[in-house]
Amino acid sequence: MLLANMKFANKIVALSSFLILVSITLATTIALREIRTDLLRQANATQESRLKTFWELLYSKGRDFSIINNELRAGNYVLNANYELPDKIQAIFGGTATVFMNDVRVTTNVLKPDGSRAVGTKLQGAAYDKVAVIATAGVSQAARRCVKSWRSMR
């Protein structure tokens, strides 16, 4: 019984120190949770903005989406191997942009190790799993619209 052998003043100091430590831990936990929530909100807003911009660029090419002769089209605009939109998104925001037809990448600014565009590669693994559940995860309205369009063309 270490506490029983302590003087009253030392017990007060120990209790105060403990309460201060608990208060600091609690305040830090709350602050970190708020920071995380705010960062997620900012990331979702950024994603929403980028997706909206992409959709506006795509809609300027055509609003009727179809697959004709294994080509993904927005109106008469063929997306397959047409890098205009992914490159424009990269120029505006940085980062990468890819359009899939079913689960095959048809246009992108993602490069393979040899420096060529990663068209023809499949959406698989963790990325496929993320796209498959994104509409139910509440990520963003534009992301859900993107997945809905993707699913409707499958």
N, C-alpha and C. Protein backbone atom coordinates (compact mmCIF):
# COMPACT_ATOMS: atom_id res chain seq x y z
N MET A 1 0.82 -1.18 0.00
CA MET A 1 0.00 0.00 0.00
C MET A 1 0.87 1.25 0.00
N LEU A 2 1.31 1.62 -1.14
CA LEU A 2 2.14 2.80 -1.27
C LEU A 2 1.38 4.05 -0.89
N LEU A 3 0.11 4.13 -1.28
CA LEU A 3 -0.73 5.30 -1.00
C LEU A 3 -0.96 5.47 0.50
N ALA A 4 -1.09 4.37 1.22
CA ALA A 4 -1.35 4.43 2.66
C ALA A 4 -0.16 4.99 3.42
N ASN A 5 1.04 4.80 2.93
CA ASN A 5 2.24 5.25 3.60
C ASN A 5 2.62 6.69 3.25
N MET A 6 1.89 7.31 2.30
CA MET A 6 2.23 8.67 1.86
C MET A 6 1.62 9.69 2.80
N LYS A 7 2.32 10.84 2.92
CA LYS A 7 1.78 11.94 3.70
C LYS A 7 0.61 12.55 2.94
N PHE A 8 -0.26 13.23 3.65
CA PHE A 8 -1.46 13.82 3.06
C PHE A 8 -1.11 14.78 1.91
N ALA A 9 -0.11 15.61 2.08
CA ALA A 9 0.29 16.58 1.05
C ALA A 9 0.77 15.85 -0.20
N ASN A 10 1.49 14.77 -0.01
CA ASN A 10 1.98 14.00 -1.16
C ASN A 10 0.81 13.31 -1.89
N LYS A 11 -0.20 12.89 -1.11
CA LYS A 11 -1.39 12.29 -1.72
C LYS A 11 -2.11 13.31 -2.59
N ILE A 12 -2.20 14.55 -2.10
CA ILE A 12 -2.85 15.62 -2.86
C ILE A 12 -2.06 15.89 -4.15
N VAL A 13 -0.75 15.94 -4.05
CA VAL A 13 0.10 16.18 -5.22
C VAL A 13 -0.07 15.03 -6.23
N ALA A 14 -0.07 13.79 -5.75
CA ALA A 14 -0.22 12.63 -6.63
C ALA A 14 -1.59 12.64 -7.31
N LEU A 15 -2.63 12.92 -6.52
CA LEU A 15 -3.97 12.97 -7.09
C LEU A 15 -4.10 14.10 -8.11
N SER A 16 -3.55 15.26 -7.80
CA SER A 16 -3.58 16.39 -8.74
C SER A 16 -2.83 16.06 -10.02
N SER A 17 -1.67 15.44 -9.87
CA SER A 17 -0.88 15.05 -11.05
C SER A 17 -1.65 14.07 -11.91
N PHE A 18 -2.29 13.10 -11.27
CA PHE A 18 -3.08 12.12 -12.00
C PHE A 18 -4.23 12.78 -12.74
N LEU A 19 -4.94 13.69 -12.07
CA LEU A 19 -6.06 14.39 -12.69
C LEU A 19 -5.60 15.26 -13.86
N ILE A 20 -4.46 15.90 -13.70
CA ILE A 20 -3.90 16.72 -14.79
C ILE A 20 -3.55 15.82 -15.98
N LEU A 21 -2.92 14.67 -15.70
CA LEU A 21 -2.56 13.74 -16.76
C LEU A 21 -3.80 13.23 -17.49
N VAL A 22 -4.84 12.87 -16.75
CA VAL A 22 -6.08 12.40 -17.36
C VAL A 22 -6.72 13.52 -18.18
N SER A 23 -6.71 14.73 -17.67
CA SER A 23 -7.29 15.87 -18.39
C SER A 23 -6.54 16.14 -19.68
N ILE A 24 -5.24 16.11 -19.64
CA ILE A 24 -4.43 16.34 -20.84
C ILE A 24 -4.66 15.23 -21.86
N THR A 25 -4.73 13.99 -21.39
CA THR A 25 -4.99 12.87 -22.29
C THR A 25 -6.36 13.00 -22.95
N LEU A 26 -7.35 13.33 -22.17
CA LEU A 26 -8.70 13.49 -22.70
C LEU A 26 -8.77 14.65 -23.69
N ALA A 27 -8.17 15.78 -23.35
CA ALA A 27 -8.18 16.94 -24.25
C ALA A 27 -7.44 16.63 -25.56
N THR A 28 -6.33 15.93 -25.45
CA THR A 28 -5.56 15.55 -26.65
C THR A 28 -6.36 14.61 -27.53
N THR A 29 -7.01 13.63 -26.91
CA THR A 29 -7.83 12.68 -27.67
C THR A 29 -8.96 13.39 -28.40
N ILE A 30 -9.64 14.29 -27.71
CA ILE A 30 -10.73 15.05 -28.33
C ILE A 30 -10.21 15.92 -29.47
N ALA A 31 -9.09 16.59 -29.24
CA ALA A 31 -8.52 17.46 -30.28
C ALA A 31 -8.10 16.65 -31.50
N LEU A 32 -7.46 15.51 -31.27
CA LEU A 32 -7.04 14.68 -32.40
C LEU A 32 -8.24 14.12 -33.17
N ARG A 33 -9.29 13.77 -32.47
CA ARG A 33 -10.50 13.29 -33.13
C ARG A 33 -11.11 14.40 -33.99
N GLU A 34 -11.14 15.62 -33.47
CA GLU A 34 -11.68 16.75 -34.23
C GLU A 34 -10.81 17.05 -35.45
N ILE A 35 -9.50 16.98 -35.28
CA ILE A 35 -8.59 17.20 -36.40
C ILE A 35 -8.83 16.15 -37.48
N ARG A 36 -8.94 14.88 -37.07
CA ARG A 36 -9.19 13.79 -38.03
C ARG A 36 -10.50 14.02 -38.77
N THR A 37 -11.55 14.37 -38.03
CA THR A 37 -12.86 14.62 -38.64
C THR A 37 -12.77 15.75 -39.66
N ASP A 38 -12.07 16.82 -39.29
CA ASP A 38 -11.93 17.95 -40.20
C ASP A 38 -11.12 17.58 -41.44
N LEU A 39 -10.05 16.82 -41.25
CA LEU A 39 -9.25 16.39 -42.41
C LEU A 39 -10.05 15.49 -43.34
N LEU A 40 -10.85 14.60 -42.78
CA LEU A 40 -11.70 13.75 -43.63
C LEU A 40 -12.72 14.59 -44.37
N ARG A 41 -13.29 15.58 -43.69
CA ARG A 41 -14.26 16.46 -44.35
C ARG A 41 -13.59 17.23 -45.49
N GLN A 42 -12.38 17.71 -45.25
CA GLN A 42 -11.65 18.43 -46.31
C GLN A 42 -11.30 17.51 -47.47
N ALA A 43 -10.88 16.28 -47.17
CA ALA A 43 -10.54 15.33 -48.23
C ALA A 43 -11.77 15.00 -49.06
N ASN A 44 -12.91 14.80 -48.41
CA ASN A 44 -14.14 14.52 -49.14
C ASN A 44 -14.56 15.71 -49.99
N ALA A 45 -14.41 16.92 -49.46
CA ALA A 45 -14.76 18.11 -50.24
C ALA A 45 -13.84 18.25 -51.45
N THR A 46 -12.56 17.96 -51.27
CA THR A 46 -11.61 18.01 -52.38
C THR A 46 -11.96 16.97 -53.43
N GLN A 47 -12.26 15.76 -52.97
CA GLN A 47 -12.64 14.69 -53.90
C GLN A 47 -13.91 15.07 -54.65
N GLU A 48 -14.87 15.59 -53.93
CA GLU A 48 -16.14 16.02 -54.53
C GLU A 48 -15.88 17.07 -55.61
N SER A 49 -15.04 18.04 -55.30
CA SER A 49 -14.73 19.11 -56.25
C SER A 49 -14.05 18.56 -57.50
N ARG A 50 -13.11 17.67 -57.31
CA ARG A 50 -12.39 17.10 -58.46
C ARG A 50 -13.31 16.24 -59.32
N LEU A 51 -14.16 15.45 -58.67
CA LEU A 51 -15.10 14.64 -59.44
C LEU A 51 -16.11 15.50 -60.19
N LYS A 52 -16.59 16.55 -59.54
CA LYS A 52 -17.53 17.46 -60.22
C LYS A 52 -16.87 18.11 -61.42
N THR A 53 -15.62 18.53 -61.25
CA THR A 53 -14.90 19.13 -62.37
C THR A 53 -14.74 18.14 -63.50
N PHE A 54 -14.37 16.90 -63.16
CA PHE A 54 -14.23 15.88 -64.20
C PHE A 54 -15.55 15.65 -64.92
N TRP A 55 -16.66 15.54 -64.14
CA TRP A 55 -17.97 15.32 -64.77
C TRP A 55 -18.35 16.49 -65.67
N GLU A 56 -18.06 17.71 -65.25
CA GLU A 56 -18.37 18.87 -66.10
C GLU A 56 -17.56 18.81 -67.39
N LEU A 57 -16.27 18.46 -67.28
CA LEU A 57 -15.45 18.33 -68.48
C LEU A 57 -16.00 17.21 -69.38
N LEU A 58 -16.39 16.11 -68.77
CA LEU A 58 -16.92 14.99 -69.54
C LEU A 58 -18.27 15.35 -70.16
N TYR A 59 -19.14 16.00 -69.38
CA TYR A 59 -20.45 16.39 -69.91
C TYR A 59 -20.32 17.39 -71.06
N SER A 60 -19.25 18.17 -71.07
CA SER A 60 -19.06 19.10 -72.19
C SER A 60 -18.81 18.35 -73.49
N LYS A 61 -18.40 17.10 -73.39
CA LYS A 61 -18.16 16.27 -74.57
C LYS A 61 -19.42 15.53 -75.00
N GLY A 62 -20.33 15.29 -74.06
CA GLY A 62 -21.57 14.58 -74.35
C GLY A 62 -22.15 14.00 -73.08
N ARG A 63 -23.47 13.91 -73.03
CA ARG A 63 -24.13 13.40 -71.83
C ARG A 63 -24.67 11.99 -71.99
N ASP A 64 -24.71 11.50 -73.20
CA ASP A 64 -25.20 10.15 -73.44
C ASP A 64 -24.01 9.19 -73.44
N PHE A 65 -23.95 8.33 -72.44
CA PHE A 65 -22.83 7.39 -72.32
C PHE A 65 -23.22 6.07 -72.96
N SER A 66 -22.28 5.55 -73.74
CA SER A 66 -22.54 4.27 -74.41
C SER A 66 -21.23 3.55 -74.66
N ILE A 67 -21.37 2.29 -74.94
CA ILE A 67 -20.23 1.48 -75.40
C ILE A 67 -20.59 0.98 -76.78
N ILE A 68 -19.84 1.44 -77.78
CA ILE A 68 -20.07 1.07 -79.18
C ILE A 68 -18.76 0.52 -79.73
N ASN A 69 -18.81 -0.69 -80.27
CA ASN A 69 -17.62 -1.33 -80.82
C ASN A 69 -16.47 -1.32 -79.81
N ASN A 70 -16.79 -1.65 -78.58
CA ASN A 70 -15.82 -1.72 -77.49
C ASN A 70 -15.14 -0.38 -77.22
N GLU A 71 -15.83 0.71 -77.50
CA GLU A 71 -15.35 2.06 -77.20
C GLU A 71 -16.33 2.73 -76.26
N LEU A 72 -15.80 3.31 -75.20
CA LEU A 72 -16.62 4.07 -74.27
C LEU A 72 -16.80 5.48 -74.84
N ARG A 73 -18.05 5.91 -74.92
CA ARG A 73 -18.34 7.20 -75.54
C ARG A 73 -19.20 8.07 -74.63
N ALA A 74 -18.95 9.36 -74.72
CA ALA A 74 -19.82 10.38 -74.15
C ALA A 74 -20.32 11.15 -75.36
N GLY A 75 -21.55 10.86 -75.78
CA GLY A 75 -22.02 11.39 -77.06
C GLY A 75 -21.21 10.75 -78.16
N ASN A 76 -20.59 11.56 -79.01
CA ASN A 76 -19.71 11.04 -80.05
C ASN A 76 -18.24 11.05 -79.64
N TYR A 77 -17.96 11.52 -78.46
CA TYR A 77 -16.60 11.64 -77.95
C TYR A 77 -16.13 10.28 -77.45
N VAL A 78 -15.07 9.75 -78.05
CA VAL A 78 -14.52 8.45 -77.66
C VAL A 78 -13.48 8.68 -76.56
N LEU A 79 -13.67 7.98 -75.44
CA LEU A 79 -12.74 8.12 -74.32
C LEU A 79 -11.54 7.18 -74.43
N ASN A 80 -11.71 6.03 -75.08
CA ASN A 80 -10.62 5.05 -75.16
C ASN A 80 -9.37 5.68 -75.75
N ALA A 81 -8.26 5.56 -75.02
CA ALA A 81 -6.94 6.05 -75.46
C ALA A 81 -6.95 7.54 -75.79
N ASN A 82 -7.92 8.27 -75.26
CA ASN A 82 -7.98 9.72 -75.44
C ASN A 82 -7.61 10.32 -74.08
N TYR A 83 -6.47 10.95 -73.99
CA TYR A 83 -5.92 11.37 -72.70
C TYR A 83 -6.24 12.81 -72.34
N GLU A 84 -7.05 13.46 -73.13
CA GLU A 84 -7.36 14.87 -72.91
C GLU A 84 -7.92 15.13 -71.50
N LEU A 85 -8.95 14.40 -71.09
CA LEU A 85 -9.59 14.66 -69.80
C LEU A 85 -8.70 14.30 -68.61
N PRO A 86 -8.08 13.10 -68.57
CA PRO A 86 -7.20 12.83 -67.44
C PRO A 86 -6.03 13.81 -67.34
N ASP A 87 -5.49 14.21 -68.49
CA ASP A 87 -4.38 15.17 -68.47
C ASP A 87 -4.84 16.55 -68.00
N LYS A 88 -6.07 16.93 -68.37
CA LYS A 88 -6.60 18.22 -67.93
C LYS A 88 -6.83 18.21 -66.41
N ILE A 89 -7.36 17.12 -65.89
CA ILE A 89 -7.56 16.99 -64.44
C ILE A 89 -6.22 17.06 -63.73
N GLN A 90 -5.21 16.39 -64.28
CA GLN A 90 -3.88 16.44 -63.67
C GLN A 90 -3.31 17.85 -63.72
N ALA A 91 -3.53 18.56 -64.81
CA ALA A 91 -3.03 19.93 -64.92
C ALA A 91 -3.72 20.86 -63.92
N ILE A 92 -5.01 20.64 -63.69
CA ILE A 92 -5.76 21.50 -62.78
C ILE A 92 -5.46 21.17 -61.32
N PHE A 93 -5.49 19.89 -60.97
CA PHE A 93 -5.42 19.48 -59.57
C PHE A 93 -4.14 18.74 -59.19
N GLY A 94 -3.41 18.21 -60.16
CA GLY A 94 -2.33 17.31 -59.83
C GLY A 94 -2.91 15.92 -59.61
N GLY A 95 -2.08 14.95 -59.35
CA GLY A 95 -2.58 13.61 -59.07
C GLY A 95 -2.95 12.85 -60.32
N THR A 96 -3.75 11.81 -60.12
CA THR A 96 -4.09 10.92 -61.22
C THR A 96 -5.58 10.92 -61.51
N ALA A 97 -5.90 10.53 -62.73
CA ALA A 97 -7.30 10.38 -63.15
C ALA A 97 -7.35 9.21 -64.11
N THR A 98 -8.38 8.39 -63.95
CA THR A 98 -8.55 7.20 -64.78
C THR A 98 -10.03 7.02 -65.08
N VAL A 99 -10.33 6.54 -66.28
CA VAL A 99 -11.69 6.17 -66.64
C VAL A 99 -11.66 4.69 -66.99
N PHE A 100 -12.60 3.95 -66.38
CA PHE A 100 -12.71 2.52 -66.64
C PHE A 100 -13.95 2.24 -67.48
N MET A 101 -13.83 1.27 -68.36
CA MET A 101 -14.97 0.71 -69.06
C MET A 101 -15.10 -0.70 -68.50
N ASN A 102 -16.21 -0.92 -67.78
CA ASN A 102 -16.34 -2.13 -66.96
C ASN A 102 -15.18 -2.13 -65.98
N ASP A 103 -14.28 -3.08 -66.05
CA ASP A 103 -13.16 -3.07 -65.12
C ASP A 103 -11.81 -2.87 -65.82
N VAL A 104 -11.84 -2.34 -67.06
CA VAL A 104 -10.62 -2.12 -67.83
C VAL A 104 -10.37 -0.62 -67.98
N ARG A 105 -9.17 -0.20 -67.68
CA ARG A 105 -8.77 1.20 -67.79
C ARG A 105 -8.69 1.56 -69.27
N VAL A 106 -9.49 2.58 -69.69
CA VAL A 106 -9.49 2.96 -71.11
C VAL A 106 -8.79 4.30 -71.35
N THR A 107 -8.69 5.12 -70.33
CA THR A 107 -7.92 6.36 -70.45
C THR A 107 -7.42 6.72 -69.06
N THR A 108 -6.21 7.28 -69.02
CA THR A 108 -5.59 7.56 -67.73
C THR A 108 -4.37 8.44 -67.90
N ASN A 109 -3.95 9.02 -66.80
CA ASN A 109 -2.63 9.65 -66.79
C ASN A 109 -1.67 8.85 -65.91
N VAL A 110 -2.09 7.66 -65.48
CA VAL A 110 -1.24 6.75 -64.73
C VAL A 110 -0.26 6.11 -65.70
N LEU A 111 1.00 6.09 -65.31
CA LEU A 111 2.04 5.53 -66.17
C LEU A 111 2.52 4.19 -65.64
N LYS A 112 2.86 3.29 -66.57
CA LYS A 112 3.48 2.02 -66.22
C LYS A 112 4.97 2.27 -65.98
N PRO A 113 5.66 1.30 -65.41
CA PRO A 113 7.11 1.48 -65.19
C PRO A 113 7.89 1.84 -66.45
N ASP A 114 7.41 1.38 -67.62
CA ASP A 114 8.12 1.70 -68.87
C ASP A 114 7.79 3.09 -69.40
N GLY A 115 6.90 3.83 -68.70
CA GLY A 115 6.57 5.20 -69.10
C GLY A 115 5.34 5.30 -69.98
N SER A 116 4.80 4.17 -70.43
CA SER A 116 3.59 4.22 -71.26
C SER A 116 2.37 4.34 -70.36
N ARG A 117 1.25 4.75 -70.94
CA ARG A 117 0.00 4.88 -70.19
C ARG A 117 -0.50 3.49 -69.78
N ALA A 118 -1.12 3.42 -68.63
CA ALA A 118 -1.58 2.14 -68.09
C ALA A 118 -2.96 1.75 -68.61
N VAL A 119 -3.26 2.07 -69.87
CA VAL A 119 -4.55 1.66 -70.45
C VAL A 119 -4.54 0.16 -70.67
N GLY A 120 -5.73 -0.43 -70.57
CA GLY A 120 -5.85 -1.87 -70.76
C GLY A 120 -5.65 -2.66 -69.47
N THR A 121 -5.17 -2.02 -68.42
CA THR A 121 -5.00 -2.73 -67.15
C THR A 121 -6.34 -2.85 -66.46
N LYS A 122 -6.47 -3.86 -65.63
CA LYS A 122 -7.75 -4.15 -64.97
C LYS A 122 -7.83 -3.50 -63.59
N LEU A 123 -9.05 -3.13 -63.25
CA LEU A 123 -9.37 -2.68 -61.90
C LEU A 123 -9.53 -3.94 -61.06
N GLN A 124 -8.64 -4.12 -60.08
CA GLN A 124 -8.68 -5.33 -59.29
C GLN A 124 -8.12 -5.08 -57.90
N GLY A 125 -8.23 -6.05 -57.07
CA GLY A 125 -7.68 -5.97 -55.73
C GLY A 125 -8.38 -4.93 -54.88
N ALA A 126 -7.59 -4.21 -54.09
CA ALA A 126 -8.13 -3.23 -53.16
C ALA A 126 -8.87 -2.11 -53.88
N ALA A 127 -8.36 -1.69 -55.05
CA ALA A 127 -9.03 -0.62 -55.80
C ALA A 127 -10.41 -1.08 -56.26
N TYR A 128 -10.51 -2.30 -56.75
CA TYR A 128 -11.81 -2.83 -57.18
C TYR A 128 -12.76 -2.91 -55.99
N ASP A 129 -12.25 -3.41 -54.87
CA ASP A 129 -13.08 -3.51 -53.66
C ASP A 129 -13.56 -2.14 -53.22
N LYS A 130 -12.72 -1.13 -53.32
CA LYS A 130 -13.10 0.22 -52.91
C LYS A 130 -14.20 0.76 -53.82
N VAL A 131 -14.06 0.59 -55.13
CA VAL A 131 -15.07 1.07 -56.07
C VAL A 131 -16.37 0.30 -55.87
N ALA A 132 -16.28 -0.98 -55.58
CA ALA A 132 -17.48 -1.80 -55.42
C ALA A 132 -18.30 -1.38 -54.21
N VAL A 133 -17.67 -0.80 -53.19
CA VAL A 133 -18.42 -0.43 -51.98
C VAL A 133 -18.54 1.08 -51.79
N ILE A 134 -17.92 1.87 -52.64
CA ILE A 134 -17.88 3.31 -52.42
C ILE A 134 -19.28 3.94 -52.40
N ALA A 135 -20.19 3.41 -53.19
CA ALA A 135 -21.53 4.00 -53.25
C ALA A 135 -22.29 3.83 -51.94
N THR A 136 -21.97 2.81 -51.19
CA THR A 136 -22.66 2.60 -49.92
C THR A 136 -21.88 3.15 -48.73
N ALA A 137 -20.67 3.62 -48.97
CA ALA A 137 -19.84 4.10 -47.87
C ALA A 137 -20.11 5.56 -47.52
N GLY A 138 -20.92 6.25 -48.32
CA GLY A 138 -21.23 7.65 -48.03
C GLY A 138 -20.06 8.57 -48.29
N VAL A 139 -19.21 8.23 -49.25
CA VAL A 139 -18.02 9.05 -49.48
C VAL A 139 -18.38 10.41 -50.05
N SER A 140 -19.06 10.44 -51.16
CA SER A 140 -19.47 11.72 -51.72
C SER A 140 -20.52 11.48 -52.79
N GLN A 141 -21.31 12.50 -53.03
CA GLN A 141 -22.38 12.38 -54.03
C GLN A 141 -21.80 12.15 -55.42
N ALA A 142 -20.74 12.88 -55.77
CA ALA A 142 -20.14 12.72 -57.09
C ALA A 142 -19.52 11.34 -57.24
N ALA A 143 -18.90 10.83 -56.19
CA ALA A 143 -18.31 9.49 -56.25
C ALA A 143 -19.41 8.45 -56.44
N ARG A 144 -20.53 8.61 -55.74
CA ARG A 144 -21.64 7.66 -55.90
C ARG A 144 -22.18 7.74 -57.33
N ARG A 145 -22.27 8.95 -57.89
CA ARG A 145 -22.75 9.12 -59.26
C ARG A 145 -21.79 8.44 -60.23
N CYS A 146 -20.49 8.57 -59.96
CA CYS A 146 -19.47 7.94 -60.80
C CYS A 146 -19.63 6.42 -60.77
N VAL A 147 -19.79 5.87 -59.57
CA VAL A 147 -19.94 4.42 -59.44
C VAL A 147 -21.25 3.97 -60.07
N LYS A 148 -22.31 4.75 -59.91
CA LYS A 148 -23.61 4.39 -60.49
C LYS A 148 -23.47 4.33 -62.02
N SER A 149 -22.80 5.30 -62.61
CA SER A 149 -22.58 5.29 -64.05
C SER A 149 -21.74 4.08 -64.45
N TRP A 150 -20.71 3.81 -63.64
CA TRP A 150 -19.84 2.68 -63.93
C TRP A 150 -20.63 1.38 -63.88
N ARG A 151 -21.45 1.22 -62.84
CA ARG A 151 -22.24 -0.01 -62.70
C ARG A 151 -23.28 -0.14 -63.81
N SER A 152 -23.86 0.96 -64.26
CA SER A 152 -24.90 0.88 -65.29
C SER A 152 -24.34 0.45 -66.64
N MET A 153 -23.06 0.63 -66.84
CA MET A 153 -22.45 0.24 -68.12
C MET A 153 -21.89 -1.17 -68.10
N ARG A 154 -21.91 -1.81 -66.94
CA ARG A 154 -21.34 -3.17 -66.84
C ARG A 154 -22.17 -4.18 -67.57
